[in-house]
């Protein structure tokens, strides 16, 4: 992956300045082994807040946000409309989300 890192890679870097993408609903556990992470610098440098907030109106930069299939579809559409790096970042996330939705109805983004 180019933009996202696995939880194991995050641990090796000794950083917590990441958005954690968890499978399923949040259950008060952070840094799950099957999570993937996006560093806050990437999120901020590419101005992803506007994209996420438009697709997911309840998106919380600092808190916990559950993302439904409908939210995910809206995020993909908006990313395609933006093109460029925003589209590339969301495209990289797509396989993980697809796999997640095989068994879950939502995924969770744990903010900073």
C-alpha atoms as a PDB file:
ATOM      1  CA  UNK A   1       0.000   0.000   0.000  1.00  0.00           C
ATOM      2  CA  UNK A   2       1.135   3.503  -0.748  1.00  0.00           C
ATOM      3  CA  UNK A   3      -1.013   5.659   1.539  1.00  0.00           C
ATOM      4  CA  UNK A   4      -2.262   3.242   4.198  1.00  0.00           C
ATOM      5  CA  UNK A   5      -0.218   1.126   6.580  1.00  0.00           C
ATOM      6  CA  UNK A   6      -1.125  -1.972   8.531  1.00  0.00           C
ATOM      7  CA  UNK A   7      -1.419  -1.949  12.288  1.00  0.00           C
ATOM      8  CA  UNK A   8       1.862  -3.873  12.514  1.00  0.00           C
ATOM      9  CA  UNK A   9       3.612  -1.180  10.449  1.00  0.00           C
ATOM     10  CA  UNK A  10       2.114   1.557  12.637  1.00  0.00           C
ATOM     11  CA  UNK A  11       3.467  -0.163  15.753  1.00  0.00           C
ATOM     12  CA  UNK A  12       6.941  -0.381  14.218  1.00  0.00           C
ATOM     13  CA  UNK A  13       6.864   3.356  13.490  1.00  0.00           C
ATOM     14  CA  UNK A  14       5.819   4.069  17.109  1.00  0.00           C
ATOM     15  CA  UNK A  15       3.175   6.575  16.028  1.00  0.00           C
ATOM     16  CA  UNK A  16      -0.392   7.199  17.072  1.00  0.00           C
ATOM     17  CA  UNK A  17      -0.907  10.191  14.778  1.00  0.00           C
ATOM     18  CA  UNK A  18      -3.108   8.117  12.469  1.00  0.00           C
ATOM     19  CA  UNK A  19      -6.705   7.570  11.573  1.00  0.00           C
ATOM     20  CA  UNK A  20      -7.488   3.946  12.329  1.00  0.00           C
ATOM     21  CA  UNK A  21      -9.924   2.103  10.048  1.00  0.00           C
ATOM     22  CA  UNK A  22     -11.514  -0.791  11.941  1.00  0.00           C
ATOM     23  CA  UNK A  23     -13.772  -3.554  10.668  1.00  0.00           C
ATOM     24  CA  UNK A  24     -17.279  -3.424  12.121  1.00  0.00           C
ATOM     25  CA  UNK A  25     -18.716  -1.281  14.889  1.00  0.00           C
ATOM     26  CA  UNK A  26     -16.419   0.266  17.466  1.00  0.00           C
ATOM     27  CA  UNK A  27     -16.092  -1.817  20.639  1.00  0.00           C
ATOM     28  CA  UNK A  28     -13.828   0.418  22.761  1.00  0.00           C
ATOM     29  CA  UNK A  29     -10.641  -1.231  21.518  1.00  0.00           C
ATOM     30  CA  UNK A  30      -8.048   0.761  19.594  1.00  0.00           C
ATOM     31  CA  UNK A  31      -5.248  -0.404  17.282  1.00  0.00           C
ATOM     32  CA  UNK A  32      -6.781  -3.734  16.316  1.00  0.00           C
ATOM     33  CA  UNK A  33      -4.538  -6.192  14.470  1.00  0.00           C
ATOM     34  CA  UNK A  34      -6.722  -6.179  11.343  1.00  0.00           C
ATOM     35  CA  UNK A  35      -7.000  -2.375  11.168  1.00  0.00           C
ATOM     36  CA  UNK A  36      -5.317  -0.201   8.602  1.00  0.00           C
ATOM     37  CA  UNK A  37      -4.121   3.311   9.300  1.00  0.00           C
ATOM     38  CA  UNK A  38      -3.765   6.581   7.444  1.00  0.00           C
ATOM     39  CA  UNK A  39      -1.299   9.077   8.864  1.00  0.00           C
ATOM     40  CA  UNK A  40      -2.826  12.430   9.804  1.00  0.00           C
ATOM     41  CA  UNK A  41      -0.246  14.246   7.650  1.00  0.00           C
ATOM     42  CA  UNK A  42      -1.544  12.463   4.545  1.00  0.00           C
ATOM     43  CA  UNK A  43      -5.140  13.145   5.566  1.00  0.00           C
ATOM     44  CA  UNK A  44      -4.429  16.830   6.157  1.00  0.00           C
ATOM     45  CA  UNK A  45      -2.014  17.433   3.268  1.00  0.00           C
ATOM     46  CA  UNK A  46      -4.603  16.149   0.789  1.00  0.00           C
ATOM     47  CA  UNK A  47      -7.487  17.996   2.470  1.00  0.00           C
ATOM     48  CA  UNK A  48      -9.524  14.851   2.986  1.00  0.00           C
ATOM     49  CA  UNK A  49     -11.675  16.338   5.741  1.00  0.00           C
ATOM     50  CA  UNK A  50     -13.953  18.096   3.244  1.00  0.00           C
ATOM     51  CA  UNK A  51     -14.339  14.924   1.202  1.00  0.00           C
ATOM     52  CA  UNK A  52     -15.128  12.729   4.223  1.00  0.00           C
ATOM     53  CA  UNK A  53     -17.461  15.282   5.795  1.00  0.00           C
ATOM     54  CA  UNK A  54     -19.419  15.722   2.573  1.00  0.00           C
ATOM     55  CA  UNK A  55     -19.904  11.961   2.137  1.00  0.00           C
ATOM     56  CA  UNK A  56     -20.261  11.211   5.855  1.00  0.00           C
ATOM     57  CA  UNK A  57     -21.937  14.237   7.494  1.00  0.00           C
ATOM     58  CA  UNK A  58     -21.354  12.833  10.996  1.00  0.00           C
ATOM     59  CA  UNK A  59     -17.591  12.370  10.352  1.00  0.00           C
ATOM     60  CA  UNK A  60     -15.649  13.288  13.504  1.00  0.00           C
ATOM     61  CA  UNK A  61     -11.981  14.176  12.975  1.00  0.00           C
ATOM     62  CA  UNK A  62     -11.209  13.595  16.655  1.00  0.00           C
ATOM     63  CA  UNK A  63     -13.737  10.916  17.511  1.00  0.00           C
ATOM     64  CA  UNK A  64     -15.272   7.679  16.338  1.00  0.00           C
ATOM     65  CA  UNK A  65     -17.268   7.513  13.101  1.00  0.00           C
ATOM     66  CA  UNK A  66     -19.200   4.495  11.850  1.00  0.00           C
ATOM     67  CA  UNK A  67     -19.364   4.308   8.062  1.00  0.00           C
ATOM     68  CA  UNK A  68     -22.241   2.530   6.331  1.00  0.00           C
ATOM     69  CA  UNK A  69     -22.251   1.069   2.840  1.00  0.00           C
ATOM     70  CA  UNK A  70     -24.216   4.109   1.675  1.00  0.00           C
ATOM     71  CA  UNK A  71     -21.612   6.466   3.197  1.00  0.00           C
ATOM     72  CA  UNK A  72     -18.859   4.474   1.524  1.00  0.00           C
ATOM     73  CA  UNK A  73     -20.553   4.649  -1.864  1.00  0.00           C
ATOM     74  CA  UNK A  74     -20.957   8.422  -1.503  1.00  0.00           C
ATOM     75  CA  UNK A  75     -17.279   8.727  -0.562  1.00  0.00           C
ATOM     76  CA  UNK A  76     -16.234   6.791  -3.658  1.00  0.00           C
ATOM     77  CA  UNK A  77     -18.396   8.947  -5.955  1.00  0.00           C
ATOM     78  CA  UNK A  78     -17.033  12.185  -4.501  1.00  0.00           C
ATOM     79  CA  UNK A  79     -13.446  10.923  -4.696  1.00  0.00           C
ATOM     80  CA  UNK A  80     -13.888  10.041  -8.384  1.00  0.00           C
ATOM     81  CA  UNK A  81     -15.284  13.513  -9.020  1.00  0.00           C
ATOM     82  CA  UNK A  82     -12.236  15.064  -7.328  1.00  0.00           C
ATOM     83  CA  UNK A  83      -9.788  12.785  -9.103  1.00  0.00           C
ATOM     84  CA  UNK A  84      -6.065  12.916  -8.448  1.00  0.00           C
ATOM     85  CA  UNK A  85      -4.627  11.900  -5.104  1.00  0.00           C
ATOM     86  CA  UNK A  86      -7.987  11.953  -3.319  1.00  0.00           C
ATOM     87  CA  UNK A  87      -9.294   9.359  -5.748  1.00  0.00           C
ATOM     88  CA  UNK A  88      -6.091   7.329  -5.401  1.00  0.00           C
ATOM     89  CA  UNK A  89      -6.349   7.283  -1.599  1.00  0.00           C
ATOM     90  CA  UNK A  90      -9.977   6.133  -1.626  1.00  0.00           C
ATOM     91  CA  UNK A  91      -9.211   3.585  -4.354  1.00  0.00           C
ATOM     92  CA  UNK A  92      -6.467   2.120  -2.193  1.00  0.00           C
ATOM     93  CA  UNK A  93      -8.956   1.761   0.655  1.00  0.00           C
ATOM     94  CA  UNK A  94     -11.546   0.030  -1.572  1.00  0.00           C
ATOM     95  CA  UNK A  95     -10.304  -3.577  -1.293  1.00  0.00           C
ATOM     96  CA  UNK A  96     -10.085  -3.392   2.492  1.00  0.00           C
ATOM     97  CA  UNK A  97     -13.622  -1.956   2.639  1.00  0.00           C
ATOM     98  CA  UNK A  98     -14.913  -4.601   0.221  1.00  0.00           C
ATOM     99  CA  UNK A  99     -13.453  -7.350   2.410  1.00  0.00           C
ATOM    100  CA  UNK A 100     -14.877  -5.688   5.525  1.00  0.00           C
ATOM    101  CA  UNK A 101     -18.403  -5.521   4.096  1.00  0.00           C
ATOM    102  CA  UNK A 102     -18.340  -9.263   3.409  1.00  0.00           C
ATOM    103  CA  UNK A 103     -18.968  -9.799   7.134  1.00  0.00           C
ATOM    104  CA  UNK A 104     -19.841  -6.398   8.591  1.00  0.00           C
ATOM    105  CA  UNK A 105     -22.499  -3.736   7.983  1.00  0.00           C
ATOM    106  CA  UNK A 106     -20.181  -0.838   8.889  1.00  0.00           C
ATOM    107  CA  UNK A 107     -16.562   0.040   9.386  1.00  0.00           C
ATOM    108  CA  UNK A 108     -15.281   2.503  11.939  1.00  0.00           C
ATOM    109  CA  UNK A 109     -12.855   5.366  11.579  1.00  0.00           C
ATOM    110  CA  UNK A 110     -11.135   6.259  14.834  1.00  0.00           C
ATOM    111  CA  UNK A 111      -9.970   9.854  14.608  1.00  0.00           C
ATOM    112  CA  UNK A 112      -7.078  11.526  16.316  1.00  0.00           C
END
